[in-house]
Amino acid sequence: MVAGDLHRQGVGRFLLIGRLYELSKHPIAKLVFINTSQHSRGFFEREGFVVKAETLDGYAPGLHRYDLELTLPDRQRNVIAERWISISGEIRE
């Protein structure tokens, strides 16, 4: 998780794309699964994850659980690699 005062600054995206990049280098990795609440669901969907299940009040009353997945065919691996090169170059000093 990223502290609220750092939201919308690219930190979460940097961490996610970096992890996806490392996973995508392993041919055995075919799917990436994650579960999250309605508060960050959109972030993962914008990165290509697809909602596979929704559990209302899955974490607590009013805090719903969403199970998402991202498939890793070759074209997605290439997109991830290109994004990582772009993002990591922006962050480095």
PDB file of N, CA and C in Angstrom:
ATOM      1  N   MET A   1       0.838  -1.179   0.000  1.00  0.00           N
ATOM      2  CA  MET A   1       0.000   0.000   0.000  1.00  0.00           C
ATOM      3  C   MET A   1       0.882   1.241   0.000  1.00  0.00           C
ATOM      4  N   VAL A   2       0.337   2.282  -0.558  1.00  0.00           N
ATOM      5  CA  VAL A   2       1.049   3.550  -0.627  1.00  0.00           C
ATOM      6  C   VAL A   2       0.317   4.551   0.258  1.00  0.00           C
ATOM      7  N   ALA A   3       1.053   5.307   1.051  1.00  0.00           N
ATOM      8  CA  ALA A   3       0.463   6.309   1.938  1.00  0.00           C
ATOM      9  C   ALA A   3      -0.407   7.279   1.142  1.00  0.00           C
ATOM     10  N   GLY A   4      -1.511   7.671   1.733  1.00  0.00           N
ATOM     11  CA  GLY A   4      -2.481   8.531   1.061  1.00  0.00           C
ATOM     12  C   GLY A   4      -1.897   9.819   0.514  1.00  0.00           C
ATOM     13  N   ASP A   5      -0.935  10.399   1.223  1.00  0.00           N
ATOM     14  CA  ASP A   5      -0.360  11.661   0.747  1.00  0.00           C
ATOM     15  C   ASP A   5       0.540  11.472  -0.470  1.00  0.00           C
ATOM     16  N   LEU A   6       0.815  10.215  -0.824  1.00  0.00           N
ATOM     17  CA  LEU A   6       1.628   9.936  -2.013  1.00  0.00           C
ATOM     18  C   LEU A   6       0.799   9.435  -3.191  1.00  0.00           C
ATOM     19  N   HIS A   7      -0.528   9.356  -2.993  1.00  0.00           N
ATOM     20  CA  HIS A   7      -1.387   8.936  -4.103  1.00  0.00           C
ATOM     21  C   HIS A   7      -1.310   9.942  -5.245  1.00  0.00           C
ATOM     22  N   ARG A   8      -1.527   9.444  -6.457  1.00  0.00           N
ATOM     23  CA  ARG A   8      -1.541  10.261  -7.676  1.00  0.00           C
ATOM     24  C   ARG A   8      -0.173  10.866  -8.016  1.00  0.00           C
ATOM     25  N   GLN A   9       0.892  10.248  -7.513  1.00  0.00           N
ATOM     26  CA  GLN A   9       2.235  10.720  -7.829  1.00  0.00           C
ATOM     27  C   GLN A   9       3.055   9.670  -8.576  1.00  0.00           C
ATOM     28  N   GLY A  10       2.430   8.523  -8.868  1.00  0.00           N
ATOM     29  CA  GLY A  10       3.116   7.501  -9.638  1.00  0.00           C
ATOM     30  C   GLY A  10       3.832   6.441  -8.819  1.00  0.00           C
ATOM     31  N   VAL A  11       3.805   6.560  -7.502  1.00  0.00           N
ATOM     32  CA  VAL A  11       4.520   5.601  -6.662  1.00  0.00           C
ATOM     33  C   VAL A  11       3.900   4.209  -6.772  1.00  0.00           C
ATOM     34  N   GLY A  12       2.590   4.118  -6.627  1.00  0.00           N
ATOM     35  CA  GLY A  12       1.912   2.827  -6.721  1.00  0.00           C
ATOM     36  C   GLY A  12       2.087   2.191  -8.088  1.00  0.00           C
ATOM     37  N   ARG A  13       1.984   2.987  -9.124  1.00  0.00           N
ATOM     38  CA  ARG A  13       2.156   2.480 -10.491  1.00  0.00           C
ATOM     39  C   ARG A  13       3.591   1.969 -10.684  1.00  0.00           C
ATOM     40  N   PHE A  14       4.562   2.706 -10.183  1.00  0.00           N
ATOM     41  CA  PHE A  14       5.964   2.295 -10.258  1.00  0.00           C
ATOM     42  C   PHE A  14       6.155   0.939  -9.587  1.00  0.00           C
ATOM     43  N   LEU A  15       5.604   0.782  -8.384  1.00  0.00           N
ATOM     44  CA  LEU A  15       5.738  -0.482  -7.661  1.00  0.00           C
ATOM     45  C   LEU A  15       5.037  -1.626  -8.385  1.00  0.00           C
ATOM     46  N   LEU A  16       3.820  -1.375  -8.870  1.00  0.00           N
ATOM     47  CA  LEU A  16       3.068  -2.420  -9.558  1.00  0.00           C
ATOM     48  C   LEU A  16       3.751  -2.839 -10.852  1.00  0.00           C
ATOM     49  N   ILE A  17       4.116  -1.886 -11.691  1.00  0.00           N
ATOM     50  CA  ILE A  17       4.733  -2.226 -12.981  1.00  0.00           C
ATOM     51  C   ILE A  17       6.079  -2.918 -12.752  1.00  0.00           C
ATOM     52  N   GLY A  18       6.827  -2.499 -11.748  1.00  0.00           N
ATOM     53  CA  GLY A  18       8.089  -3.165 -11.433  1.00  0.00           C
ATOM     54  C   GLY A  18       7.893  -4.618 -11.060  1.00  0.00           C
ATOM     55  N   ARG A  19       6.873  -4.879 -10.249  1.00  0.00           N
ATOM     56  CA  ARG A  19       6.584  -6.265  -9.866  1.00  0.00           C
ATOM     57  C   ARG A  19       6.093  -7.070 -11.061  1.00  0.00           C
ATOM     58  N   LEU A  20       5.211  -6.488 -11.850  1.00  0.00           N
ATOM     59  CA  LEU A  20       4.719  -7.189 -13.040  1.00  0.00           C
ATOM     60  C   LEU A  20       5.859  -7.480 -14.010  1.00  0.00           C
ATOM     61  N   TYR A  21       6.784  -6.542 -14.141  1.00  0.00           N
ATOM     62  CA  TYR A  21       7.931  -6.741 -15.018  1.00  0.00           C
ATOM     63  C   TYR A  21       8.752  -7.944 -14.557  1.00  0.00           C
ATOM     64  N   GLU A  22       9.017  -8.023 -13.262  1.00  0.00           N
ATOM     65  CA  GLU A  22       9.795  -9.144 -12.738  1.00  0.00           C
ATOM     66  C   GLU A  22       9.053 -10.465 -12.953  1.00  0.00           C
ATOM     67  N   LEU A  23       7.751 -10.480 -12.715  1.00  0.00           N
ATOM     68  CA  LEU A  23       6.955 -11.689 -12.955  1.00  0.00           C
ATOM     69  C   LEU A  23       6.943 -12.074 -14.426  1.00  0.00           C
ATOM     70  N   SER A  24       6.829 -11.077 -15.290  1.00  0.00           N
ATOM     71  CA  SER A  24       6.691 -11.349 -16.724  1.00  0.00           C
ATOM     72  C   SER A  24       7.963 -11.938 -17.338  1.00  0.00           C
ATOM     73  N   LYS A  25       9.077 -11.853 -16.645  1.00  0.00           N
ATOM     74  CA  LYS A  25      10.321 -12.432 -17.140  1.00  0.00           C
ATOM     75  C   LYS A  25      10.370 -13.951 -16.971  1.00  0.00           C
ATOM     76  N   HIS A  26       9.407 -14.494 -16.230  1.00  0.00           N
ATOM     77  CA  HIS A  26       9.362 -15.932 -15.979  1.00  0.00           C
ATOM     78  C   HIS A  26       8.285 -16.570 -16.843  1.00  0.00           C
ATOM     79  N   PRO A  27       8.661 -17.382 -17.819  1.00  0.00           N
ATOM     80  CA  PRO A  27       7.679 -17.976 -18.735  1.00  0.00           C
ATOM     81  C   PRO A  27       6.590 -18.791 -18.043  1.00  0.00           C
ATOM     82  N   ILE A  28       6.898 -19.328 -16.874  1.00  0.00           N
ATOM     83  CA  ILE A  28       5.910 -20.140 -16.169  1.00  0.00           C
ATOM     84  C   ILE A  28       4.744 -19.291 -15.646  1.00  0.00           C
ATOM     85  N   ALA A  29       4.965 -18.002 -15.443  1.00  0.00           N
ATOM     86  CA  ALA A  29       3.902 -17.107 -14.947  1.00  0.00           C
ATOM     87  C   ALA A  29       2.900 -16.850 -16.068  1.00  0.00           C
ATOM     88  N   LYS A  30       1.675 -17.228 -15.842  1.00  0.00           N
ATOM     89  CA  LYS A  30       0.612 -17.066 -16.853  1.00  0.00           C
ATOM     90  C   LYS A  30      -0.477 -16.097 -16.414  1.00  0.00           C
ATOM     91  N   LEU A  31      -0.748 -16.044 -15.112  1.00  0.00           N
ATOM     92  CA  LEU A  31      -1.795 -15.193 -14.566  1.00  0.00           C
ATOM     93  C   LEU A  31      -1.292 -14.514 -13.305  1.00  0.00           C
ATOM     94  N   VAL A  32      -1.756 -13.295 -13.092  1.00  0.00           N
ATOM     95  CA  VAL A  32      -1.484 -12.581 -11.852  1.00  0.00           C
ATOM     96  C   VAL A  32      -2.832 -12.327 -11.191  1.00  0.00           C
ATOM     97  N   PHE A  33      -2.948 -12.731  -9.933  1.00  0.00           N
ATOM     98  CA  PHE A  33      -4.183 -12.553  -9.186  1.00  0.00           C
ATOM     99  C   PHE A  33      -3.977 -11.522  -8.092  1.00  0.00           C
ATOM    100  N   ILE A  34      -5.012 -10.748  -7.824  1.00  0.00           N
ATOM    101  CA  ILE A  34      -4.967  -9.788  -6.724  1.00  0.00           C
ATOM    102  C   ILE A  34      -6.383  -9.612  -6.205  1.00  0.00           C
ATOM    103  N   ASN A  35      -6.500  -9.297  -4.930  1.00  0.00           N
ATOM    104  CA  ASN A  35      -7.804  -8.912  -4.404  1.00  0.00           C
ATOM    105  C   ASN A  35      -7.648  -7.560  -3.733  1.00  0.00           C
ATOM    106  N   THR A  36      -8.682  -6.745  -3.854  1.00  0.00           N
ATOM    107  CA  THR A  36      -8.633  -5.392  -3.344  1.00  0.00           C
ATOM    108  C   THR A  36     -10.047  -4.901  -3.067  1.00  0.00           C
ATOM    109  N   SER A  37     -10.159  -3.713  -2.524  1.00  0.00           N
ATOM    110  CA  SER A  37     -11.472  -3.139  -2.229  1.00  0.00           C
ATOM    111  C   SER A  37     -11.922  -2.235  -3.371  1.00  0.00           C
ATOM    112  N   GLN A  38     -13.125  -1.716  -3.213  1.00  0.00           N
ATOM    113  CA  GLN A  38     -13.666  -0.804  -4.224  1.00  0.00           C
ATOM    114  C   GLN A  38     -12.839   0.481  -4.319  1.00  0.00           C
ATOM    115  N   HIS A  39     -12.068   0.768  -3.300  1.00  0.00           N
ATOM    116  CA  HIS A  39     -11.297   2.014  -3.289  1.00  0.00           C
ATOM    117  C   HIS A  39     -10.095   1.995  -4.229  1.00  0.00           C
ATOM    118  N   SER A  40      -9.540   0.826  -4.487  1.00  0.00           N
ATOM    119  CA  SER A  40      -8.399   0.762  -5.408  1.00  0.00           C
ATOM    120  C   SER A  40      -8.657  -0.136  -6.616  1.00  0.00           C
ATOM    121  N   ARG A  41      -9.863  -0.609  -6.743  1.00  0.00           N
ATOM    122  CA  ARG A  41     -10.224  -1.460  -7.883  1.00  0.00           C
ATOM    123  C   ARG A  41      -9.898  -0.782  -9.213  1.00  0.00           C
ATOM    124  N   GLY A  42     -10.278   0.469  -9.366  1.00  0.00           N
ATOM    125  CA  GLY A  42     -10.064   1.199 -10.613  1.00  0.00           C
ATOM    126  C   GLY A  42      -8.599   1.315 -10.988  1.00  0.00           C
ATOM    127  N   PHE A  43      -7.740   1.484  -9.998  1.00  0.00           N
ATOM    128  CA  PHE A  43      -6.302   1.568 -10.248  1.00  0.00           C
ATOM    129  C   PHE A  43      -5.830   0.315 -10.973  1.00  0.00           C
ATOM    130  N   PHE A  44      -6.239  -0.850 -10.474  1.00  0.00           N
ATOM    131  CA  PHE A  44      -5.799  -2.105 -11.081  1.00  0.00           C
ATOM    132  C   PHE A  44      -6.464  -2.339 -12.434  1.00  0.00           C
ATOM    133  N   GLU A  45      -7.705  -1.931 -12.575  1.00  0.00           N
ATOM    134  CA  GLU A  45      -8.372  -2.075 -13.870  1.00  0.00           C
ATOM    135  C   GLU A  45      -7.682  -1.212 -14.926  1.00  0.00           C
ATOM    136  N   ARG A  46      -7.244  -0.024 -14.556  1.00  0.00           N
ATOM    137  CA  ARG A  46      -6.528   0.835 -15.512  1.00  0.00           C
ATOM    138  C   ARG A  46      -5.205   0.214 -15.941  1.00  0.00           C
ATOM    139  N   GLU A  47      -4.683  -0.697 -15.136  1.00  0.00           N
ATOM    140  CA  GLU A  47      -3.430  -1.381 -15.472  1.00  0.00           C
ATOM    141  C   GLU A  47      -3.674  -2.703 -16.189  1.00  0.00           C
ATOM    142  N   GLY A  48      -4.929  -2.987 -16.544  1.00  0.00           N
ATOM    143  CA  GLY A  48      -5.228  -4.168 -17.341  1.00  0.00           C
ATOM    144  C   GLY A  48      -5.849  -5.334 -16.592  1.00  0.00           C
ATOM    145  N   PHE A  49      -5.966  -5.239 -15.286  1.00  0.00           N
ATOM    146  CA  PHE A  49      -6.591  -6.309 -14.511  1.00  0.00           C
ATOM    147  C   PHE A  49      -8.088  -6.338 -14.796  1.00  0.00           C
ATOM    148  N   VAL A  50      -8.676  -7.528 -14.723  1.00  0.00           N
ATOM    149  CA  VAL A  50     -10.098  -7.737 -14.995  1.00  0.00           C
ATOM    150  C   VAL A  50     -10.741  -8.323 -13.740  1.00  0.00           C
ATOM    151  N   VAL A  51     -11.891  -7.763 -13.353  1.00  0.00           N
ATOM    152  CA  VAL A  51     -12.618  -8.279 -12.193  1.00  0.00           C
ATOM    153  C   VAL A  51     -13.197  -9.643 -12.525  1.00  0.00           C
ATOM    154  N   LYS A  52     -12.924 -10.623 -11.670  1.00  0.00           N
ATOM    155  CA  LYS A  52     -13.439 -11.978 -11.850  1.00  0.00           C
ATOM    156  C   LYS A  52     -14.502 -12.321 -10.815  1.00  0.00           C
ATOM    157  N   ALA A  53     -14.485 -11.645  -9.668  1.00  0.00           N
ATOM    158  CA  ALA A  53     -15.482 -11.901  -8.631  1.00  0.00           C
ATOM    159  C   ALA A  53     -15.617 -10.668  -7.747  1.00  0.00           C
ATOM    160  N   GLU A  54     -16.806 -10.492  -7.218  1.00  0.00           N
ATOM    161  CA  GLU A  54     -17.112  -9.379  -6.320  1.00  0.00           C
ATOM    162  C   GLU A  54     -17.829  -9.953  -5.102  1.00  0.00           C
ATOM    163  N   THR A  55     -17.368  -9.581  -3.917  1.00  0.00           N
ATOM    164  CA  THR A  55     -18.004 -10.017  -2.681  1.00  0.00           C
ATOM    165  C   THR A  55     -18.375  -8.778  -1.878  1.00  0.00           C
ATOM    166  N   LEU A  56     -19.663  -8.464  -1.865  1.00  0.00           N
ATOM    167  CA  LEU A  56     -20.114  -7.310  -1.097  1.00  0.00           C
ATOM    168  C   LEU A  56     -19.810  -7.546   0.381  1.00  0.00           C
ATOM    169  N   ASP A  57     -19.299  -6.511   1.042  1.00  0.00           N
ATOM    170  CA  ASP A  57     -18.904  -6.592   2.453  1.00  0.00           C
ATOM    171  C   ASP A  57     -17.871  -7.700   2.686  1.00  0.00           C
ATOM    172  N   GLY A  58     -17.071  -7.984   1.683  1.00  0.00           N
ATOM    173  CA  GLY A  58     -16.104  -9.083   1.748  1.00  0.00           C
ATOM    174  C   GLY A  58     -14.988  -8.893   2.753  1.00  0.00           C
ATOM    175  N   TYR A  59     -14.664  -7.662   3.059  1.00  0.00           N
ATOM    176  CA  TYR A  59     -13.638  -7.384   4.067  1.00  0.00           C
ATOM    177  C   TYR A  59     -14.257  -6.906   5.369  1.00  0.00           C
ATOM    178  N   ALA A  60     -15.312  -6.114   5.250  1.00  0.00           N
ATOM    179  CA  ALA A  60     -16.010  -5.544   6.404  1.00  0.00           C
ATOM    180  C   ALA A  60     -17.287  -4.901   5.877  1.00  0.00           C
ATOM    181  N   PRO A  61     -18.224  -4.548   6.753  1.00  0.00           N
ATOM    182  CA  PRO A  61     -19.430  -3.868   6.265  1.00  0.00           C
ATOM    183  C   PRO A  61     -19.058  -2.614   5.461  1.00  0.00           C
ATOM    184  N   GLY A  62     -19.523  -2.549   4.231  1.00  0.00           N
ATOM    185  CA  GLY A  62     -19.239  -1.418   3.355  1.00  0.00           C
ATOM    186  C   GLY A  62     -17.895  -1.476   2.654  1.00  0.00           C
ATOM    187  N   LEU A  63     -17.107  -2.488   2.946  1.00  0.00           N
ATOM    188  CA  LEU A  63     -15.788  -2.634   2.323  1.00  0.00           C
ATOM    189  C   LEU A  63     -15.807  -3.921   1.500  1.00  0.00           C
ATOM    190  N   HIS A  64     -16.048  -3.745   0.209  1.00  0.00           N
ATOM    191  CA  HIS A  64     -16.251  -4.869  -0.692  1.00  0.00           C
ATOM    192  C   HIS A  64     -14.919  -5.440  -1.189  1.00  0.00           C
ATOM    193  N   ARG A  65     -14.948  -6.723  -1.513  1.00  0.00           N
ATOM    194  CA  ARG A  65     -13.759  -7.395  -2.036  1.00  0.00           C
ATOM    195  C   ARG A  65     -13.946  -7.645  -3.529  1.00  0.00           C
ATOM    196  N   TYR A  66     -12.904  -7.341  -4.285  1.00  0.00           N
ATOM    197  CA  TYR A  66     -12.874  -7.614  -5.720  1.00  0.00           C
ATOM    198  C   TYR A  66     -11.669  -8.489  -6.006  1.00  0.00           C
ATOM    199  N   ASP A  67     -11.914  -9.611  -6.682  1.00  0.00           N
ATOM    200  CA  ASP A  67     -10.847 -10.500  -7.122  1.00  0.00           C
ATOM    201  C   ASP A  67     -10.587 -10.192  -8.593  1.00  0.00           C
ATOM    202  N   LEU A  68      -9.351  -9.838  -8.905  1.00  0.00           N
ATOM    203  CA  LEU A  68      -8.976  -9.448 -10.256  1.00  0.00           C
ATOM    204  C   LEU A  68      -7.847 -10.329 -10.759  1.00  0.00           C
ATOM    205  N   GLU A  69      -7.719 -10.400 -12.088  1.00  0.00           N
ATOM    206  CA  GLU A  69      -6.595 -11.128 -12.665  1.00  0.00           C
ATOM    207  C   GLU A  69      -6.092 -10.421 -13.918  1.00  0.00           C
ATOM    208  N   LEU A  70      -4.843 -10.677 -14.209  1.00  0.00           N
ATOM    209  CA  LEU A  70      -4.182 -10.161 -15.401  1.00  0.00           C
ATOM    210  C   LEU A  70      -3.503 -11.346 -16.078  1.00  0.00           C
ATOM    211  N   THR A  71      -3.840 -11.581 -17.340  1.00  0.00           N
ATOM    212  CA  THR A  71      -3.179 -12.657 -18.080  1.00  0.00           C
ATOM    213  C   THR A  71      -1.872 -12.136 -18.663  1.00  0.00           C
ATOM    214  N   LEU A  72      -0.923 -13.042 -18.865  1.00  0.00           N
ATOM    215  CA  LEU A  72       0.397 -12.654 -19.345  1.00  0.00           C
ATOM    216  C   LEU A  72       0.781 -13.335 -20.658  1.00  0.00           C
ATOM    217  N   PRO A  73       0.015 -13.087 -21.729  1.00  0.00           N
ATOM    218  CA  PRO A  73       0.478 -13.573 -23.033  1.00  0.00           C
ATOM    219  C   PRO A  73       1.692 -12.739 -23.459  1.00  0.00           C
ATOM    220  N   ASP A  74       2.361 -13.155 -24.514  1.00  0.00           N
ATOM    221  CA  ASP A  74       3.575 -12.456 -24.957  1.00  0.00           C
ATOM    222  C   ASP A  74       3.340 -10.968 -25.189  1.00  0.00           C
ATOM    223  N   ARG A  75       2.228 -10.608 -25.815  1.00  0.00           N
ATOM    224  CA  ARG A  75       1.999  -9.185 -26.102  1.00  0.00           C
ATOM    225  C   ARG A  75       1.879  -8.371 -24.816  1.00  0.00           C
ATOM    226  N   GLN A  76       1.258  -8.946 -23.767  1.00  0.00           N
ATOM    227  CA  GLN A  76       1.145  -8.244 -22.483  1.00  0.00           C
ATOM    228  C   GLN A  76       2.506  -8.120 -21.820  1.00  0.00           C
ATOM    229  N   ARG A  77       3.328  -9.142 -21.948  1.00  0.00           N
ATOM    230  CA  ARG A  77       4.685  -9.085 -21.394  1.00  0.00           C
ATOM    231  C   ARG A  77       5.488  -7.964 -22.055  1.00  0.00           C
ATOM    232  N   ASN A  78       5.318  -7.805 -23.363  1.00  0.00           N
ATOM    233  CA  ASN A  78       6.014  -6.728 -24.077  1.00  0.00           C
ATOM    234  C   ASN A  78       5.529  -5.357 -23.622  1.00  0.00           C
ATOM    235  N   VAL A  79       4.228  -5.218 -23.431  1.00  0.00           N
ATOM    236  CA  VAL A  79       3.662  -3.946 -22.951  1.00  0.00           C
ATOM    237  C   VAL A  79       4.227  -3.626 -21.576  1.00  0.00           C
ATOM    238  N   ILE A  80       4.262  -4.613 -20.705  1.00  0.00           N
ATOM    239  CA  ILE A  80       4.793  -4.411 -19.352  1.00  0.00           C
ATOM    240  C   ILE A  80       6.256  -3.991 -19.419  1.00  0.00           C
ATOM    241  N   ALA A  81       7.052  -4.661 -20.244  1.00  0.00           N
ATOM    242  CA  ALA A  81       8.474  -4.323 -20.367  1.00  0.00           C
ATOM    243  C   ALA A  81       8.659  -2.892 -20.867  1.00  0.00           C
ATOM    244  N   GLU A  82       7.887  -2.504 -21.865  1.00  0.00           N
ATOM    245  CA  GLU A  82       7.985  -1.143 -22.396  1.00  0.00           C
ATOM    246  C   GLU A  82       7.588  -0.114 -21.336  1.00  0.00           C
ATOM    247  N   ARG A  83       6.536  -0.410 -20.599  1.00  0.00           N
ATOM    248  CA  ARG A  83       6.094   0.518 -19.554  1.00  0.00           C
ATOM    249  C   ARG A  83       7.134   0.621 -18.454  1.00  0.00           C
ATOM    250  N   TRP A  84       7.737  -0.515 -18.081  1.00  0.00           N
ATOM    251  CA  TRP A  84       8.746  -0.493 -17.025  1.00  0.00           C
ATOM    252  C   TRP A  84       9.959   0.337 -17.450  1.00  0.00           C
ATOM    253  N   ILE A  85      10.395   0.163 -18.678  1.00  0.00           N
ATOM    254  CA  ILE A  85      11.530   0.950 -19.174  1.00  0.00           C
ATOM    255  C   ILE A  85      11.192   2.440 -19.124  1.00  0.00           C
ATOM    256  N   SER A  86       9.994   2.785 -19.546  1.00  0.00           N
ATOM    257  CA  SER A  86       9.553   4.180 -19.533  1.00  0.00           C
ATOM    258  C   SER A  86       9.453   4.725 -18.113  1.00  0.00           C
ATOM    259  N   ILE A  87       8.781   3.990 -17.242  1.00  0.00           N
ATOM    260  CA  ILE A  87       8.548   4.469 -15.869  1.00  0.00           C
ATOM    261  C   ILE A  87       9.832   4.503 -15.063  1.00  0.00           C
ATOM    262  N   SER A  88      10.645   3.476 -15.158  1.00  0.00           N
ATOM    263  CA  SER A  88      11.866   3.443 -14.350  1.00  0.00           C
ATOM    264  C   SER A  88      12.841   4.529 -14.788  1.00  0.00           C
ATOM    265  N   GLY A  89      12.819   4.869 -16.048  1.00  0.00           N
ATOM    266  CA  GLY A  89      13.664   5.964 -16.524  1.00  0.00           C
ATOM    267  C   GLY A  89      13.206   7.311 -16.009  1.00  0.00           C
ATOM    268  N   GLU A  90      11.901   7.479 -15.793  1.00  0.00           N
ATOM    269  CA  GLU A  90      11.367   8.727 -15.268  1.00  0.00           C
ATOM    270  C   GLU A  90      11.705   8.919 -13.799  1.00  0.00           C
ATOM    271  N   ILE A  91      11.759   7.838 -13.038  1.00  0.00           N
ATOM    272  CA  ILE A  91      11.962   7.917 -11.599  1.00  0.00           C
ATOM    273  C   ILE A  91      13.433   8.096 -11.235  1.00  0.00           C
ATOM    274  N   ARG A  92      14.309   7.466 -11.980  1.00  0.00           N
ATOM    275  CA  ARG A  92      15.746   7.537 -11.663  1.00  0.00           C
ATOM    276  C   ARG A  92      16.258   8.964 -11.768  1.00  0.00           C
ATOM    277  N   GLU A  93      17.233   9.249 -10.907  1.00  0.00           N
ATOM    278  CA  GLU A  93      17.839  10.588 -10.915  1.00  0.00           C
ATOM    279  C   GLU A  93      19.195  10.556 -11.572  1.00  0.00           C
TER     280      GLU A  93
END
